[in-house]
């Protein structure tokens, strides 16, 4: 949700009975992705192509990678994402596929 100079989300820990407004340190480019087995873990790409992770249902966020074009959760706790050093995200053959198995602390180019 956009509001003034800050982007924000509204989180609920009681199934929608009440909401907590949380300002984001970035402007989302896409919808927030929930971890398939742990809804507290969230991923999103910002407008400036940074990949952001929250491990506490959106309360705090950390930037884990830059120049990111797309992202998906893997079947376990992996994060798969594509990067483009030119930040264009349109060039065929120019994208690199990366995988992180430690929630973004490290990543490896796999294709």
N, C-alpha and C. Protein backbone atom coordinates (compact mmCIF):
# COMPACT_ATOMS: atom_id res chain seq x y z
N UNK A 1 0.85 -1.18 0.00
CA UNK A 1 0.00 0.00 0.00
C UNK A 1 0.89 1.23 0.00
N UNK A 2 0.61 2.15 -0.87
CA UNK A 2 1.38 3.37 -0.95
C UNK A 2 0.75 4.43 -0.06
N UNK A 3 1.59 5.22 0.60
CA UNK A 3 1.06 6.26 1.45
C UNK A 3 2.08 7.35 1.68
N UNK A 4 1.93 8.48 1.02
CA UNK A 4 2.85 9.58 1.21
C UNK A 4 4.23 9.24 0.71
N UNK A 5 5.23 9.40 1.59
CA UNK A 5 6.62 9.17 1.22
C UNK A 5 7.09 7.76 1.54
N UNK A 6 6.25 6.96 2.15
CA UNK A 6 6.65 5.62 2.55
C UNK A 6 5.73 4.59 1.94
N UNK A 7 6.30 3.46 1.63
CA UNK A 7 5.50 2.31 1.25
C UNK A 7 5.25 1.53 2.53
N UNK A 8 4.09 0.91 2.64
CA UNK A 8 3.78 0.19 3.87
C UNK A 8 2.92 -1.01 3.59
N UNK A 9 2.94 -1.91 4.53
CA UNK A 9 2.05 -3.05 4.50
C UNK A 9 1.25 -3.06 5.80
N UNK A 10 0.15 -3.76 5.76
CA UNK A 10 -0.66 -3.95 6.96
C UNK A 10 -0.65 -5.44 7.26
N UNK A 11 -0.13 -5.79 8.43
CA UNK A 11 0.02 -7.19 8.83
C UNK A 11 -1.00 -7.53 9.91
N UNK A 12 -1.46 -8.76 9.90
CA UNK A 12 -2.37 -9.24 10.93
C UNK A 12 -1.83 -10.52 11.53
N UNK A 13 -1.76 -10.57 12.84
CA UNK A 13 -1.31 -11.77 13.54
C UNK A 13 -2.47 -12.51 14.19
N UNK A 14 -3.69 -12.00 13.98
CA UNK A 14 -4.87 -12.62 14.59
C UNK A 14 -5.96 -12.87 13.55
N UNK A 15 -5.53 -13.25 12.34
CA UNK A 15 -6.44 -13.61 11.24
C UNK A 15 -7.38 -12.49 10.85
N UNK A 16 -6.89 -11.24 10.88
CA UNK A 16 -7.65 -10.10 10.38
C UNK A 16 -8.50 -9.37 11.40
N UNK A 17 -8.44 -9.73 12.68
CA UNK A 17 -9.20 -9.00 13.70
C UNK A 17 -8.60 -7.62 13.94
N UNK A 18 -7.27 -7.53 13.82
CA UNK A 18 -6.58 -6.25 13.96
C UNK A 18 -5.39 -6.25 13.02
N UNK A 19 -4.87 -5.04 12.73
CA UNK A 19 -3.77 -4.91 11.78
C UNK A 19 -2.68 -4.02 12.35
N UNK A 20 -1.44 -4.33 11.96
CA UNK A 20 -0.27 -3.56 12.34
C UNK A 20 0.28 -2.92 11.07
N UNK A 21 0.39 -1.59 11.08
CA UNK A 21 0.95 -0.88 9.93
C UNK A 21 2.47 -0.91 10.03
N UNK A 22 3.13 -1.31 8.94
CA UNK A 22 4.58 -1.41 8.93
C UNK A 22 5.13 -0.70 7.70
N UNK A 23 5.98 0.31 7.92
CA UNK A 23 6.63 1.00 6.81
C UNK A 23 7.72 0.11 6.23
N UNK A 24 7.84 0.11 4.93
CA UNK A 24 8.85 -0.68 4.23
C UNK A 24 10.05 0.19 3.88
N UNK A 25 11.26 -0.38 3.91
CA UNK A 25 12.45 0.39 3.53
C UNK A 25 12.70 0.38 2.02
N UNK A 26 11.69 0.02 1.24
CA UNK A 26 11.81 -0.09 -0.21
C UNK A 26 10.42 0.05 -0.81
N UNK A 27 10.38 0.19 -2.13
CA UNK A 27 9.12 0.24 -2.86
C UNK A 27 8.97 -1.08 -3.64
N UNK A 28 7.98 -1.89 -3.32
CA UNK A 28 7.84 -3.20 -3.97
C UNK A 28 7.55 -3.08 -5.47
N UNK A 29 8.16 -3.98 -6.23
CA UNK A 29 7.90 -4.07 -7.66
C UNK A 29 6.81 -5.10 -7.94
N UNK A 30 6.63 -6.04 -7.03
CA UNK A 30 5.74 -7.17 -7.24
C UNK A 30 5.03 -7.50 -5.93
N UNK A 31 4.17 -8.50 -5.99
CA UNK A 31 3.53 -8.99 -4.78
C UNK A 31 4.55 -9.69 -3.90
N UNK A 32 4.32 -9.65 -2.61
CA UNK A 32 5.18 -10.34 -1.66
C UNK A 32 4.94 -11.84 -1.78
N UNK A 33 6.04 -12.62 -1.78
CA UNK A 33 5.96 -14.07 -1.88
C UNK A 33 6.12 -14.70 -0.50
N UNK A 34 5.16 -15.53 -0.12
CA UNK A 34 5.22 -16.25 1.14
C UNK A 34 5.97 -17.57 0.96
N UNK A 35 6.76 -17.95 1.94
CA UNK A 35 7.41 -19.26 1.94
C UNK A 35 6.31 -20.32 1.94
N UNK A 36 6.45 -21.40 1.15
CA UNK A 36 5.37 -22.38 1.03
C UNK A 36 5.03 -23.12 2.33
N UNK A 37 5.98 -23.19 3.28
CA UNK A 37 5.70 -23.90 4.52
C UNK A 37 5.79 -23.03 5.77
N UNK A 38 6.24 -21.79 5.62
CA UNK A 38 6.43 -20.92 6.77
C UNK A 38 6.04 -19.49 6.37
N UNK A 39 4.83 -19.10 6.67
CA UNK A 39 4.32 -17.80 6.24
C UNK A 39 5.04 -16.62 6.88
N UNK A 40 5.90 -16.85 7.86
CA UNK A 40 6.68 -15.77 8.45
C UNK A 40 7.82 -15.32 7.55
N UNK A 41 8.23 -16.19 6.61
CA UNK A 41 9.33 -15.87 5.70
C UNK A 41 8.78 -15.31 4.40
N UNK A 42 9.20 -14.10 4.04
CA UNK A 42 8.67 -13.38 2.89
C UNK A 42 9.80 -12.91 1.98
N UNK A 43 9.52 -12.86 0.69
CA UNK A 43 10.46 -12.34 -0.31
C UNK A 43 9.76 -11.32 -1.19
N UNK A 44 10.50 -10.32 -1.65
CA UNK A 44 9.96 -9.37 -2.61
C UNK A 44 11.13 -8.65 -3.31
N UNK A 45 10.89 -8.29 -4.57
CA UNK A 45 11.85 -7.47 -5.32
C UNK A 45 11.37 -6.03 -5.29
N UNK A 46 12.31 -5.11 -5.06
CA UNK A 46 11.96 -3.69 -5.02
C UNK A 46 12.08 -3.08 -6.42
N UNK A 47 11.58 -1.87 -6.57
CA UNK A 47 11.64 -1.18 -7.86
C UNK A 47 13.07 -0.97 -8.35
N UNK A 48 14.01 -0.87 -7.41
CA UNK A 48 15.41 -0.69 -7.84
C UNK A 48 16.12 -2.04 -8.00
N UNK A 49 15.34 -3.14 -8.12
CA UNK A 49 15.83 -4.49 -8.42
C UNK A 49 16.62 -5.13 -7.29
N UNK A 50 16.39 -4.71 -6.04
CA UNK A 50 16.99 -5.37 -4.89
C UNK A 50 16.03 -6.45 -4.39
N UNK A 51 16.61 -7.55 -3.89
CA UNK A 51 15.82 -8.64 -3.33
C UNK A 51 15.80 -8.48 -1.82
N UNK A 52 14.59 -8.47 -1.25
CA UNK A 52 14.41 -8.25 0.18
C UNK A 52 13.79 -9.48 0.82
N UNK A 53 14.21 -9.76 2.07
CA UNK A 53 13.75 -10.91 2.83
C UNK A 53 13.29 -10.47 4.21
N UNK A 54 12.16 -11.01 4.64
CA UNK A 54 11.72 -10.86 6.02
C UNK A 54 11.53 -12.25 6.60
N UNK A 55 12.02 -12.45 7.80
CA UNK A 55 11.87 -13.74 8.48
C UNK A 55 10.85 -13.65 9.62
N UNK A 56 10.22 -12.47 9.77
CA UNK A 56 9.28 -12.27 10.88
C UNK A 56 7.98 -11.63 10.40
N UNK A 57 7.43 -12.17 9.33
CA UNK A 57 6.13 -11.77 8.79
C UNK A 57 6.06 -10.29 8.44
N UNK A 58 7.18 -9.75 7.94
CA UNK A 58 7.20 -8.39 7.45
C UNK A 58 7.49 -7.32 8.47
N UNK A 59 7.82 -7.70 9.69
CA UNK A 59 8.13 -6.69 10.71
C UNK A 59 9.43 -5.97 10.38
N UNK A 60 10.47 -6.74 10.02
CA UNK A 60 11.75 -6.16 9.60
C UNK A 60 12.18 -6.82 8.28
N UNK A 61 12.97 -6.08 7.52
CA UNK A 61 13.40 -6.54 6.19
C UNK A 61 14.90 -6.35 6.05
N UNK A 62 15.54 -7.26 5.30
CA UNK A 62 16.94 -7.09 4.95
C UNK A 62 17.13 -7.30 3.46
N UNK A 63 17.98 -6.46 2.87
CA UNK A 63 18.31 -6.61 1.45
C UNK A 63 19.33 -7.73 1.34
N UNK A 64 19.04 -8.74 0.49
CA UNK A 64 19.93 -9.89 0.40
C UNK A 64 20.64 -10.00 -0.95
N UNK A 65 20.19 -9.26 -1.96
CA UNK A 65 20.88 -9.30 -3.26
C UNK A 65 20.43 -8.10 -4.08
N UNK A 66 21.22 -7.75 -5.09
CA UNK A 66 20.89 -6.63 -5.98
C UNK A 66 20.85 -7.12 -7.43
N UNK A 67 20.28 -6.29 -8.30
CA UNK A 67 20.16 -6.57 -9.73
C UNK A 67 19.36 -7.84 -10.00
N UNK A 68 18.27 -8.02 -9.26
CA UNK A 68 17.44 -9.22 -9.33
C UNK A 68 16.26 -8.99 -10.27
N UNK A 69 16.00 -9.96 -11.13
CA UNK A 69 14.91 -9.86 -12.10
C UNK A 69 13.67 -10.64 -11.70
N UNK A 70 13.87 -11.84 -11.13
CA UNK A 70 12.75 -12.66 -10.70
C UNK A 70 13.19 -13.50 -9.51
N UNK A 71 12.20 -13.98 -8.75
CA UNK A 71 12.51 -14.77 -7.55
C UNK A 71 11.39 -15.77 -7.30
N UNK A 72 11.76 -16.92 -6.75
CA UNK A 72 10.82 -17.96 -6.35
C UNK A 72 11.40 -18.71 -5.16
N UNK A 73 10.52 -19.18 -4.29
CA UNK A 73 10.92 -20.11 -3.23
C UNK A 73 11.12 -21.48 -3.85
N UNK A 74 12.11 -22.22 -3.38
CA UNK A 74 12.33 -23.60 -3.79
C UNK A 74 11.51 -24.54 -2.92
N UNK A 75 11.62 -25.85 -3.19
CA UNK A 75 10.81 -26.83 -2.46
C UNK A 75 11.18 -26.96 -0.99
N UNK A 76 12.40 -26.64 -0.63
CA UNK A 76 12.81 -26.67 0.78
C UNK A 76 12.92 -25.22 1.24
N UNK A 77 14.08 -24.82 1.70
CA UNK A 77 14.28 -23.43 2.11
C UNK A 77 15.13 -22.67 1.10
N UNK A 78 15.23 -23.18 -0.13
CA UNK A 78 16.02 -22.51 -1.14
C UNK A 78 15.29 -21.28 -1.68
N UNK A 79 16.10 -20.33 -2.10
CA UNK A 79 15.61 -19.17 -2.83
C UNK A 79 16.28 -19.22 -4.21
N UNK A 80 15.48 -19.22 -5.26
CA UNK A 80 15.98 -19.18 -6.63
C UNK A 80 15.68 -17.81 -7.20
N UNK A 81 16.67 -17.20 -7.82
CA UNK A 81 16.45 -15.88 -8.41
C UNK A 81 17.34 -15.69 -9.62
N UNK A 82 16.90 -14.83 -10.53
CA UNK A 82 17.71 -14.48 -11.69
C UNK A 82 18.26 -13.07 -11.49
N UNK A 83 19.47 -12.87 -12.02
CA UNK A 83 20.11 -11.56 -11.95
C UNK A 83 20.56 -11.15 -13.35
N UNK A 84 20.72 -9.85 -13.52
CA UNK A 84 21.22 -9.29 -14.77
C UNK A 84 22.14 -8.13 -14.40
N UNK A 85 23.40 -8.24 -14.75
CA UNK A 85 24.36 -7.19 -14.38
C UNK A 85 24.02 -5.84 -15.00
N UNK A 86 23.24 -5.85 -16.11
CA UNK A 86 22.82 -4.60 -16.74
C UNK A 86 21.53 -4.06 -16.14
N UNK A 87 20.88 -4.84 -15.29
CA UNK A 87 19.63 -4.47 -14.62
C UNK A 87 18.47 -4.27 -15.59
N UNK A 88 18.59 -4.75 -16.82
CA UNK A 88 17.52 -4.60 -17.79
C UNK A 88 16.49 -5.72 -17.68
N UNK A 89 16.95 -6.91 -17.36
CA UNK A 89 16.08 -8.08 -17.17
C UNK A 89 15.28 -8.44 -18.41
N UNK A 90 15.81 -8.12 -19.58
CA UNK A 90 15.08 -8.47 -20.80
C UNK A 90 15.94 -9.26 -21.78
N UNK A 91 17.25 -9.28 -21.57
CA UNK A 91 18.14 -9.92 -22.53
C UNK A 91 18.18 -11.42 -22.41
N UNK A 92 17.86 -12.09 -23.48
CA UNK A 92 17.97 -13.54 -23.49
C UNK A 92 19.44 -13.93 -23.42
N UNK A 93 19.75 -14.90 -22.59
CA UNK A 93 21.11 -15.36 -22.44
C UNK A 93 21.95 -14.50 -21.52
N UNK A 94 21.46 -13.34 -21.10
CA UNK A 94 22.23 -12.46 -20.23
C UNK A 94 21.91 -12.69 -18.76
N UNK A 95 20.84 -13.42 -18.48
CA UNK A 95 20.44 -13.64 -17.09
C UNK A 95 21.22 -14.80 -16.48
N UNK A 96 21.47 -14.69 -15.18
CA UNK A 96 22.09 -15.77 -14.42
C UNK A 96 21.07 -16.30 -13.41
N UNK A 97 20.97 -17.61 -13.29
CA UNK A 97 20.10 -18.24 -12.30
C UNK A 97 20.93 -18.55 -11.07
N UNK A 98 20.47 -18.07 -9.93
CA UNK A 98 21.20 -18.24 -8.68
C UNK A 98 20.35 -19.00 -7.67
N UNK A 99 21.02 -19.64 -6.71
CA UNK A 99 20.33 -20.35 -5.64
C UNK A 99 20.99 -20.02 -4.31
N UNK A 100 20.17 -19.79 -3.31
CA UNK A 100 20.64 -19.62 -1.95
C UNK A 100 19.98 -20.69 -1.08
N UNK A 101 20.78 -21.33 -0.26
CA UNK A 101 20.24 -22.35 0.65
C UNK A 101 20.30 -21.90 2.11
N UNK A 102 20.67 -20.64 2.33
CA UNK A 102 20.80 -20.12 3.69
C UNK A 102 20.09 -18.76 3.84
N UNK A 103 18.95 -18.65 3.20
CA UNK A 103 18.12 -17.44 3.27
C UNK A 103 18.88 -16.18 2.86
N UNK A 104 19.68 -16.31 1.81
CA UNK A 104 20.31 -15.14 1.21
C UNK A 104 21.64 -14.74 1.77
N UNK A 105 22.16 -15.45 2.77
CA UNK A 105 23.48 -15.09 3.30
C UNK A 105 24.55 -15.30 2.24
N UNK A 106 24.41 -16.39 1.47
CA UNK A 106 25.29 -16.66 0.34
C UNK A 106 24.43 -17.14 -0.82
N UNK A 107 24.97 -17.05 -2.01
CA UNK A 107 24.26 -17.57 -3.18
C UNK A 107 25.28 -18.06 -4.18
N UNK A 108 24.82 -18.93 -5.07
CA UNK A 108 25.68 -19.54 -6.08
C UNK A 108 24.99 -19.48 -7.43
N UNK A 109 25.72 -19.11 -8.48
CA UNK A 109 25.19 -19.13 -9.83
C UNK A 109 25.11 -20.60 -10.24
N UNK A 110 23.92 -21.04 -10.69
CA UNK A 110 23.76 -22.44 -11.09
C UNK A 110 23.47 -22.59 -12.58
N UNK A 111 23.19 -21.52 -13.27
CA UNK A 111 22.98 -21.58 -14.72
C UNK A 111 23.08 -20.19 -15.31
